[in-house]
Amino acid sequence: MANQITATLFSNWHFIRVFRAGIAVFAFSEAWRTGDSLLLGMGGILALQALFNVGCCGVGGCAVPGKGGKAGSDSVTYEEVK
C-alpha cells in the first residue's frame, strides 16, 4: 500500500506539475519573507495540487472528448416542419 502511494506521488511529473510545485515554493518563500498568511494558504493549495497531480477539475475531470464524437451525446433526429 505504501509503495503504491509513493509510486503515485513521485511518478509522472510533467511540465504543469513541476510548474505548480515551483510556484508553491515561491509562494512559501514570499509568505515567510512578508508574513502574509493568505499567500501561505495559496502556496499550500498549489503544493497539494502538485503533489497529488490534481488541478481545478480533478484528475481528468475536464477531459475533452476524442474524435469519436461527443461524450454522453445521444443521436438527435430532426423532423421537417412545413
PDB file of N, CA and C in Angstrom:
ATOM      1  N   MET A   1       0.828  -1.188   0.000  1.00  0.00           N
ATOM      2  CA  MET A   1       0.000   0.000   0.000  1.00  0.00           C
ATOM      3  C   MET A   1       0.876   1.257   0.000  1.00  0.00           C
ATOM      4  N   ALA A   2       1.874   1.295   0.858  1.00  0.00           N
ATOM      5  CA  ALA A   2       2.741   2.470   0.945  1.00  0.00           C
ATOM      6  C   ALA A   2       3.555   2.631  -0.329  1.00  0.00           C
ATOM      7  N   ASN A   3       3.988   1.508  -0.938  1.00  0.00           N
ATOM      8  CA  ASN A   3       4.751   1.601  -2.182  1.00  0.00           C
ATOM      9  C   ASN A   3       3.896   2.162  -3.315  1.00  0.00           C
ATOM     10  N   GLN A   4       2.617   1.802  -3.332  1.00  0.00           N
ATOM     11  CA  GLN A   4       1.719   2.301  -4.371  1.00  0.00           C
ATOM     12  C   GLN A   4       1.508   3.809  -4.224  1.00  0.00           C
ATOM     13  N   ILE A   5       1.333   4.278  -3.004  1.00  0.00           N
ATOM     14  CA  ILE A   5       1.162   5.718  -2.768  1.00  0.00           C
ATOM     15  C   ILE A   5       2.434   6.469  -3.141  1.00  0.00           C
ATOM     16  N   THR A   6       3.584   5.934  -2.773  1.00  0.00           N
ATOM     17  CA  THR A   6       4.857   6.565  -3.103  1.00  0.00           C
ATOM     18  C   THR A   6       5.057   6.606  -4.607  1.00  0.00           C
ATOM     19  N   ALA A   7       4.702   5.522  -5.293  1.00  0.00           N
ATOM     20  CA  ALA A   7       4.846   5.485  -6.749  1.00  0.00           C
ATOM     21  C   ALA A   7       3.926   6.500  -7.414  1.00  0.00           C
ATOM     22  N   THR A   8       2.736   6.698  -6.882  1.00  0.00           N
ATOM     23  CA  THR A   8       1.803   7.660  -7.451  1.00  0.00           C
ATOM     24  C   THR A   8       2.297   9.082  -7.243  1.00  0.00           C
ATOM     25  N   LEU A   9       2.830   9.386  -6.079  1.00  0.00           N
ATOM     26  CA  LEU A   9       3.262  10.746  -5.782  1.00  0.00           C
ATOM     27  C   LEU A   9       4.534  11.139  -6.526  1.00  0.00           C
ATOM     28  N   PHE A  10       5.414  10.196  -6.776  1.00  0.00           N
ATOM     29  CA  PHE A  10       6.717  10.529  -7.346  1.00  0.00           C
ATOM     30  C   PHE A  10       6.891  10.080  -8.784  1.00  0.00           C
ATOM     31  N   SER A  11       5.807   9.771  -9.487  1.00  0.00           N
ATOM     32  CA  SER A  11       5.906   9.413 -10.896  1.00  0.00           C
ATOM     33  C   SER A  11       5.041  10.350 -11.733  1.00  0.00           C
ATOM     34  N   ASN A  12       5.285  10.343 -13.024  1.00  0.00           N
ATOM     35  CA  ASN A  12       4.502  11.101 -13.983  1.00  0.00           C
ATOM     36  C   ASN A  12       4.572  12.609 -13.729  1.00  0.00           C
ATOM     37  N   TRP A  13       5.768  13.115 -13.510  1.00  0.00           N
ATOM     38  CA  TRP A  13       5.944  14.558 -13.323  1.00  0.00           C
ATOM     39  C   TRP A  13       6.100  15.184 -14.699  1.00  0.00           C
ATOM     40  N   HIS A  14       5.190  16.051 -15.063  1.00  0.00           N
ATOM     41  CA  HIS A  14       5.236  16.758 -16.328  1.00  0.00           C
ATOM     42  C   HIS A  14       5.386  18.249 -16.062  1.00  0.00           C
ATOM     43  N   PHE A  15       5.377  19.052 -17.142  1.00  0.00           N
ATOM     44  CA  PHE A  15       5.695  20.475 -17.016  1.00  0.00           C
ATOM     45  C   PHE A  15       4.750  21.198 -16.061  1.00  0.00           C
ATOM     46  N   ILE A  16       3.444  20.996 -16.182  1.00  0.00           N
ATOM     47  CA  ILE A  16       2.484  21.720 -15.346  1.00  0.00           C
ATOM     48  C   ILE A  16       2.646  21.338 -13.882  1.00  0.00           C
ATOM     49  N   ARG A  17       2.926  20.083 -13.622  1.00  0.00           N
ATOM     50  CA  ARG A  17       3.104  19.636 -12.236  1.00  0.00           C
ATOM     51  C   ARG A  17       4.352  20.271 -11.616  1.00  0.00           C
ATOM     52  N   VAL A  18       5.430  20.329 -12.375  1.00  0.00           N
ATOM     53  CA  VAL A  18       6.657  20.964 -11.897  1.00  0.00           C
ATOM     54  C   VAL A  18       6.445  22.470 -11.751  1.00  0.00           C
ATOM     55  N   PHE A  19       5.685  23.067 -12.685  1.00  0.00           N
ATOM     56  CA  PHE A  19       5.393  24.495 -12.624  1.00  0.00           C
ATOM     57  C   PHE A  19       4.603  24.832 -11.367  1.00  0.00           C
ATOM     58  N   ARG A  20       3.589  24.023 -11.035  1.00  0.00           N
ATOM     59  CA  ARG A  20       2.821  24.247  -9.803  1.00  0.00           C
ATOM     60  C   ARG A  20       3.712  24.143  -8.574  1.00  0.00           C
ATOM     61  N   ALA A  21       4.598  23.161  -8.575  1.00  0.00           N
ATOM     62  CA  ALA A  21       5.499  22.997  -7.436  1.00  0.00           C
ATOM     63  C   ALA A  21       6.441  24.190  -7.312  1.00  0.00           C
ATOM     64  N   GLY A  22       6.919  24.707  -8.426  1.00  0.00           N
ATOM     65  CA  GLY A  22       7.793  25.869  -8.394  1.00  0.00           C
ATOM     66  C   GLY A  22       7.078  27.113  -7.878  1.00  0.00           C
ATOM     67  N   ILE A  23       5.839  27.317  -8.336  1.00  0.00           N
ATOM     68  CA  ILE A  23       5.059  28.452  -7.861  1.00  0.00           C
ATOM     69  C   ILE A  23       4.771  28.295  -6.368  1.00  0.00           C
ATOM     70  N   ALA A  24       4.520  27.064  -5.920  1.00  0.00           N
ATOM     71  CA  ALA A  24       4.265  26.824  -4.496  1.00  0.00           C
ATOM     72  C   ALA A  24       5.493  27.154  -3.662  1.00  0.00           C
ATOM     73  N   VAL A  25       6.667  26.757  -4.125  1.00  0.00           N
ATOM     74  CA  VAL A  25       7.899  27.066  -3.396  1.00  0.00           C
ATOM     75  C   VAL A  25       8.106  28.577  -3.344  1.00  0.00           C
ATOM     76  N   PHE A  26       7.860  29.265  -4.464  1.00  0.00           N
ATOM     77  CA  PHE A  26       7.985  30.722  -4.487  1.00  0.00           C
ATOM     78  C   PHE A  26       6.980  31.364  -3.525  1.00  0.00           C
ATOM     79  N   ALA A  27       5.732  30.863  -3.518  1.00  0.00           N
ATOM     80  CA  ALA A  27       4.713  31.429  -2.624  1.00  0.00           C
ATOM     81  C   ALA A  27       5.089  31.198  -1.165  1.00  0.00           C
ATOM     82  N   PHE A  28       5.603  30.013  -0.847  1.00  0.00           N
ATOM     83  CA  PHE A  28       6.033  29.748   0.530  1.00  0.00           C
ATOM     84  C   PHE A  28       7.161  30.693   0.942  1.00  0.00           C
ATOM     85  N   SER A  29       8.128  30.896   0.052  1.00  0.00           N
ATOM     86  CA  SER A  29       9.254  31.756   0.411  1.00  0.00           C
ATOM     87  C   SER A  29       8.803  33.210   0.578  1.00  0.00           C
ATOM     88  N   GLU A  30       7.912  33.676  -0.283  1.00  0.00           N
ATOM     89  CA  GLU A  30       7.409  35.043  -0.153  1.00  0.00           C
ATOM     90  C   GLU A  30       6.515  35.201   1.078  1.00  0.00           C
ATOM     91  N   ALA A  31       5.741  34.168   1.397  1.00  0.00           N
ATOM     92  CA  ALA A  31       4.897  34.218   2.591  1.00  0.00           C
ATOM     93  C   ALA A  31       5.761  34.271   3.848  1.00  0.00           C
ATOM     94  N   TRP A  32       6.856  33.519   3.851  1.00  0.00           N
ATOM     95  CA  TRP A  32       7.757  33.540   5.008  1.00  0.00           C
ATOM     96  C   TRP A  32       8.445  34.894   5.123  1.00  0.00           C
ATOM     97  N   ARG A  33       8.851  35.452   3.949  1.00  0.00           N
ATOM     98  CA  ARG A  33       9.561  36.723   3.943  1.00  0.00           C
ATOM     99  C   ARG A  33       8.665  37.880   4.373  1.00  0.00           C
ATOM    100  N   THR A  34       7.390  37.888   3.920  1.00  0.00           N
ATOM    101  CA  THR A  34       6.499  39.015   4.197  1.00  0.00           C
ATOM    102  C   THR A  34       5.553  38.768   5.362  1.00  0.00           C
ATOM    103  N   GLY A  35       5.397  37.522   5.770  1.00  0.00           N
ATOM    104  CA  GLY A  35       4.471  37.205   6.854  1.00  0.00           C
ATOM    105  C   GLY A  35       3.019  37.196   6.416  1.00  0.00           C
ATOM    106  N   ASP A  36       2.772  36.985   5.131  1.00  0.00           N
ATOM    107  CA  ASP A  36       1.422  37.010   4.570  1.00  0.00           C
ATOM    108  C   ASP A  36       0.802  35.614   4.662  1.00  0.00           C
ATOM    109  N   SER A  37      -0.231  35.471   5.487  1.00  0.00           N
ATOM    110  CA  SER A  37      -0.847  34.163   5.686  1.00  0.00           C
ATOM    111  C   SER A  37      -1.715  33.743   4.499  1.00  0.00           C
ATOM    112  N   LEU A  38      -2.275  34.693   3.766  1.00  0.00           N
ATOM    113  CA  LEU A  38      -3.079  34.356   2.594  1.00  0.00           C
ATOM    114  C   LEU A  38      -2.205  33.731   1.513  1.00  0.00           C
ATOM    115  N   LEU A  39      -1.021  34.282   1.315  1.00  0.00           N
ATOM    116  CA  LEU A  39      -0.080  33.724   0.347  1.00  0.00           C
ATOM    117  C   LEU A  39       0.405  32.354   0.795  1.00  0.00           C
ATOM    118  N   LEU A  40       0.517  32.148   2.083  1.00  0.00           N
ATOM    119  CA  LEU A  40       0.890  30.837   2.605  1.00  0.00           C
ATOM    120  C   LEU A  40      -0.189  29.800   2.273  1.00  0.00           C
ATOM    121  N   GLY A  41      -1.451  30.184   2.406  1.00  0.00           N
ATOM    122  CA  GLY A  41      -2.548  29.277   2.067  1.00  0.00           C
ATOM    123  C   GLY A  41      -2.591  28.946   0.587  1.00  0.00           C
ATOM    124  N   MET A  42      -2.377  29.962  -0.256  1.00  0.00           N
ATOM    125  CA  MET A  42      -2.365  29.717  -1.697  1.00  0.00           C
ATOM    126  C   MET A  42      -1.190  28.823  -2.094  1.00  0.00           C
ATOM    127  N   GLY A  43      -0.053  29.020  -1.454  1.00  0.00           N
ATOM    128  CA  GLY A  43       1.091  28.146  -1.701  1.00  0.00           C
ATOM    129  C   GLY A  43       0.806  26.716  -1.279  1.00  0.00           C
ATOM    130  N   GLY A  44       0.074  26.573  -0.173  1.00  0.00           N
ATOM    131  CA  GLY A  44      -0.297  25.232   0.271  1.00  0.00           C
ATOM    132  C   GLY A  44      -1.229  24.533  -0.706  1.00  0.00           C
ATOM    133  N   ILE A  45      -2.176  25.292  -1.254  1.00  0.00           N
ATOM    134  CA  ILE A  45      -3.086  24.705  -2.249  1.00  0.00           C
ATOM    135  C   ILE A  45      -2.308  24.272  -3.489  1.00  0.00           C
ATOM    136  N   LEU A  46      -1.412  25.121  -3.965  1.00  0.00           N
ATOM    137  CA  LEU A  46      -0.616  24.768  -5.136  1.00  0.00           C
ATOM    138  C   LEU A  46       0.315  23.592  -4.852  1.00  0.00           C
ATOM    139  N   ALA A  47       0.851  23.528  -3.652  1.00  0.00           N
ATOM    140  CA  ALA A  47       1.723  22.408  -3.299  1.00  0.00           C
ATOM    141  C   ALA A  47       0.946  21.094  -3.281  1.00  0.00           C
ATOM    142  N   LEU A  48      -0.272  21.124  -2.748  1.00  0.00           N
ATOM    143  CA  LEU A  48      -1.084  19.907  -2.744  1.00  0.00           C
ATOM    144  C   LEU A  48      -1.486  19.495  -4.154  1.00  0.00           C
ATOM    145  N   GLN A  49      -1.804  20.483  -5.002  1.00  0.00           N
ATOM    146  CA  GLN A  49      -2.137  20.161  -6.390  1.00  0.00           C
ATOM    147  C   GLN A  49      -0.949  19.521  -7.102  1.00  0.00           C
ATOM    148  N   ALA A  50       0.240  20.040  -6.867  1.00  0.00           N
ATOM    149  CA  ALA A  50       1.427  19.474  -7.499  1.00  0.00           C
ATOM    150  C   ALA A  50       1.739  18.097  -6.945  1.00  0.00           C
ATOM    151  N   LEU A  51       1.601  17.923  -5.652  1.00  0.00           N
ATOM    152  CA  LEU A  51       1.945  16.646  -5.028  1.00  0.00           C
ATOM    153  C   LEU A  51       1.002  15.530  -5.451  1.00  0.00           C
ATOM    154  N   PHE A  52      -0.302  15.813  -5.485  1.00  0.00           N
ATOM    155  CA  PHE A  52      -1.285  14.780  -5.802  1.00  0.00           C
ATOM    156  C   PHE A  52      -1.708  14.781  -7.267  1.00  0.00           C
ATOM    157  N   ASN A  53      -1.106  15.634  -8.097  1.00  0.00           N
ATOM    158  CA  ASN A  53      -1.362  15.705  -9.525  1.00  0.00           C
ATOM    159  C   ASN A  53      -2.837  15.943  -9.830  1.00  0.00           C
ATOM    160  N   VAL A  54      -3.410  16.927  -9.177  1.00  0.00           N
ATOM    161  CA  VAL A  54      -4.788  17.325  -9.450  1.00  0.00           C
ATOM    162  C   VAL A  54      -4.800  18.807  -9.793  1.00  0.00           C
ATOM    163  N   GLY A  55      -5.804  19.193 -10.548  1.00  0.00           N
ATOM    164  CA  GLY A  55      -5.973  20.595 -10.893  1.00  0.00           C
ATOM    165  C   GLY A  55      -7.315  21.062 -10.366  1.00  0.00           C
ATOM    166  N   CYS A  56      -7.820  22.095 -10.969  1.00  0.00           N
ATOM    167  CA  CYS A  56      -9.106  22.632 -10.539  1.00  0.00           C
ATOM    168  C   CYS A  56     -10.240  21.657 -10.803  1.00  0.00           C
ATOM    169  N   CYS A  57     -10.090  20.852 -11.839  1.00  0.00           N
ATOM    170  CA  CYS A  57     -11.156  19.910 -12.210  1.00  0.00           C
ATOM    171  C   CYS A  57     -10.902  18.504 -11.686  1.00  0.00           C
ATOM    172  N   GLY A  58      -9.838  18.287 -10.980  1.00  0.00           N
ATOM    173  CA  GLY A  58      -9.514  16.950 -10.532  1.00  0.00           C
ATOM    174  C   GLY A  58      -8.766  16.203 -11.621  1.00  0.00           C
ATOM    175  N   VAL A  59      -8.515  14.940 -11.414  1.00  0.00           N
ATOM    176  CA  VAL A  59      -7.757  14.143 -12.370  1.00  0.00           C
ATOM    177  C   VAL A  59      -8.670  13.774 -13.536  1.00  0.00           C
ATOM    178  N   GLY A  60      -8.481  14.400 -14.672  1.00  0.00           N
ATOM    179  CA  GLY A  60      -9.253  14.103 -15.872  1.00  0.00           C
ATOM    180  C   GLY A  60     -10.688  14.585 -15.823  1.00  0.00           C
ATOM    181  N   GLY A  61     -11.021  15.477 -14.909  1.00  0.00           N
ATOM    182  CA  GLY A  61     -12.392  15.938 -14.774  1.00  0.00           C
ATOM    183  C   GLY A  61     -12.830  16.859 -15.896  1.00  0.00           C
ATOM    184  N   CYS A  62     -11.905  17.513 -16.545  1.00  0.00           N
ATOM    185  CA  CYS A  62     -12.224  18.434 -17.646  1.00  0.00           C
ATOM    186  C   CYS A  62     -11.746  17.868 -18.967  1.00  0.00           C
ATOM    187  N   ALA A  63     -11.800  16.580 -19.125  1.00  0.00           N
ATOM    188  CA  ALA A  63     -11.292  15.951 -20.332  1.00  0.00           C
ATOM    189  C   ALA A  63     -12.141  16.332 -21.541  1.00  0.00           C
ATOM    190  N   VAL A  64     -11.456  16.569 -22.634  1.00  0.00           N
ATOM    191  CA  VAL A  64     -12.126  16.884 -23.892  1.00  0.00           C
ATOM    192  C   VAL A  64     -12.421  15.572 -24.599  1.00  0.00           C
ATOM    193  N   PRO A  65     -13.633  15.397 -25.145  1.00  0.00           N
ATOM    194  CA  PRO A  65     -13.940  14.132 -25.832  1.00  0.00           C
ATOM    195  C   PRO A  65     -13.048  13.949 -27.054  1.00  0.00           C
ATOM    196  N   GLY A  66     -12.772  12.702 -27.372  1.00  0.00           N
ATOM    197  CA  GLY A  66     -11.918  12.387 -28.506  1.00  0.00           C
ATOM    198  C   GLY A  66     -12.634  12.597 -29.827  1.00  0.00           C
ATOM    199  N   LYS A  67     -11.985  12.152 -30.901  1.00  0.00           N
ATOM    200  CA  LYS A  67     -12.530  12.336 -32.238  1.00  0.00           C
ATOM    201  C   LYS A  67     -13.734  11.441 -32.510  1.00  0.00           C
ATOM    202  N   GLY A  68     -13.992  10.494 -31.657  1.00  0.00           N
ATOM    203  CA  GLY A  68     -15.094   9.553 -31.868  1.00  0.00           C
ATOM    204  C   GLY A  68     -16.464  10.179 -31.674  1.00  0.00           C
ATOM    205  N   GLY A  69     -16.563  11.373 -31.228  1.00  0.00           N
ATOM    206  CA  GLY A  69     -17.846  12.022 -31.015  1.00  0.00           C
ATOM    207  C   GLY A  69     -17.884  12.688 -29.663  1.00  0.00           C
ATOM    208  N   LYS A  70     -19.018  13.255 -29.376  1.00  0.00           N
ATOM    209  CA  LYS A  70     -19.178  13.945 -28.100  1.00  0.00           C
ATOM    210  C   LYS A  70     -19.444  12.933 -26.996  1.00  0.00           C
ATOM    211  N   ALA A  71     -18.871  13.191 -25.832  1.00  0.00           N
ATOM    212  CA  ALA A  71     -19.064  12.301 -24.692  1.00  0.00           C
ATOM    213  C   ALA A  71     -20.478  12.460 -24.152  1.00  0.00           C
ATOM    214  N   GLY A  72     -21.201  11.378 -24.049  1.00  0.00           N
ATOM    215  CA  GLY A  72     -22.524  11.399 -23.447  1.00  0.00           C
ATOM    216  C   GLY A  72     -23.614  11.954 -24.338  1.00  0.00           C
ATOM    217  N   SER A  73     -23.353  12.087 -25.637  1.00  0.00           N
ATOM    218  CA  SER A  73     -24.392  12.638 -26.503  1.00  0.00           C
ATOM    219  C   SER A  73     -25.238  11.518 -27.091  1.00  0.00           C
ATOM    220  N   ASP A  74     -26.503  11.791 -27.212  1.00  0.00           N
ATOM    221  CA  ASP A  74     -27.422  10.855 -27.843  1.00  0.00           C
ATOM    222  C   ASP A  74     -27.620  11.284 -29.286  1.00  0.00           C
ATOM    223  N   SER A  75     -28.009  10.343 -30.123  1.00  0.00           N
ATOM    224  CA  SER A  75     -28.250  10.727 -31.506  1.00  0.00           C
ATOM    225  C   SER A  75     -29.528  11.556 -31.574  1.00  0.00           C
ATOM    226  N   VAL A  76     -29.488  12.598 -32.370  1.00  0.00           N
ATOM    227  CA  VAL A  76     -30.604  13.525 -32.479  1.00  0.00           C
ATOM    228  C   VAL A  76     -31.254  13.325 -33.837  1.00  0.00           C
ATOM    229  N   THR A  77     -32.571  13.196 -33.859  1.00  0.00           N
ATOM    230  CA  THR A  77     -33.303  13.104 -35.109  1.00  0.00           C
ATOM    231  C   THR A  77     -34.073  14.386 -35.317  1.00  0.00           C
ATOM    232  N   TYR A  78     -34.103  14.832 -36.545  1.00  0.00           N
ATOM    233  CA  TYR A  78     -34.787  16.071 -36.881  1.00  0.00           C
ATOM    234  C   TYR A  78     -36.003  15.761 -37.733  1.00  0.00           C
ATOM    235  N   GLU A  79     -36.995  16.573 -37.560  1.00  0.00           N
ATOM    236  CA  GLU A  79     -38.249  16.420 -38.314  1.00  0.00           C
ATOM    237  C   GLU A  79     -38.511  17.719 -39.054  1.00  0.00           C
ATOM    238  N   GLU A  80     -38.830  17.598 -40.351  1.00  0.00           N
ATOM    239  CA  GLU A  80     -39.080  18.788 -41.144  1.00  0.00           C
ATOM    240  C   GLU A  80     -40.453  19.335 -40.831  1.00  0.00           C
ATOM    241  N   VAL A  81     -40.536  20.636 -40.573  1.00  0.00           N
ATOM    242  CA  VAL A  81     -41.793  21.304 -40.253  1.00  0.00           C
ATOM    243  C   VAL A  81     -42.200  22.122 -41.471  1.00  0.00           C
ATOM    244  N   LYS A  82     -43.427  21.913 -41.969  1.00  0.00           N
ATOM    245  CA  LYS A  82     -43.896  22.657 -43.140  1.00  0.00           C
ATOM    246  C   LYS A  82     -44.885  23.711 -42.756  1.00  0.00           C
TER     247      LYS A  82
END
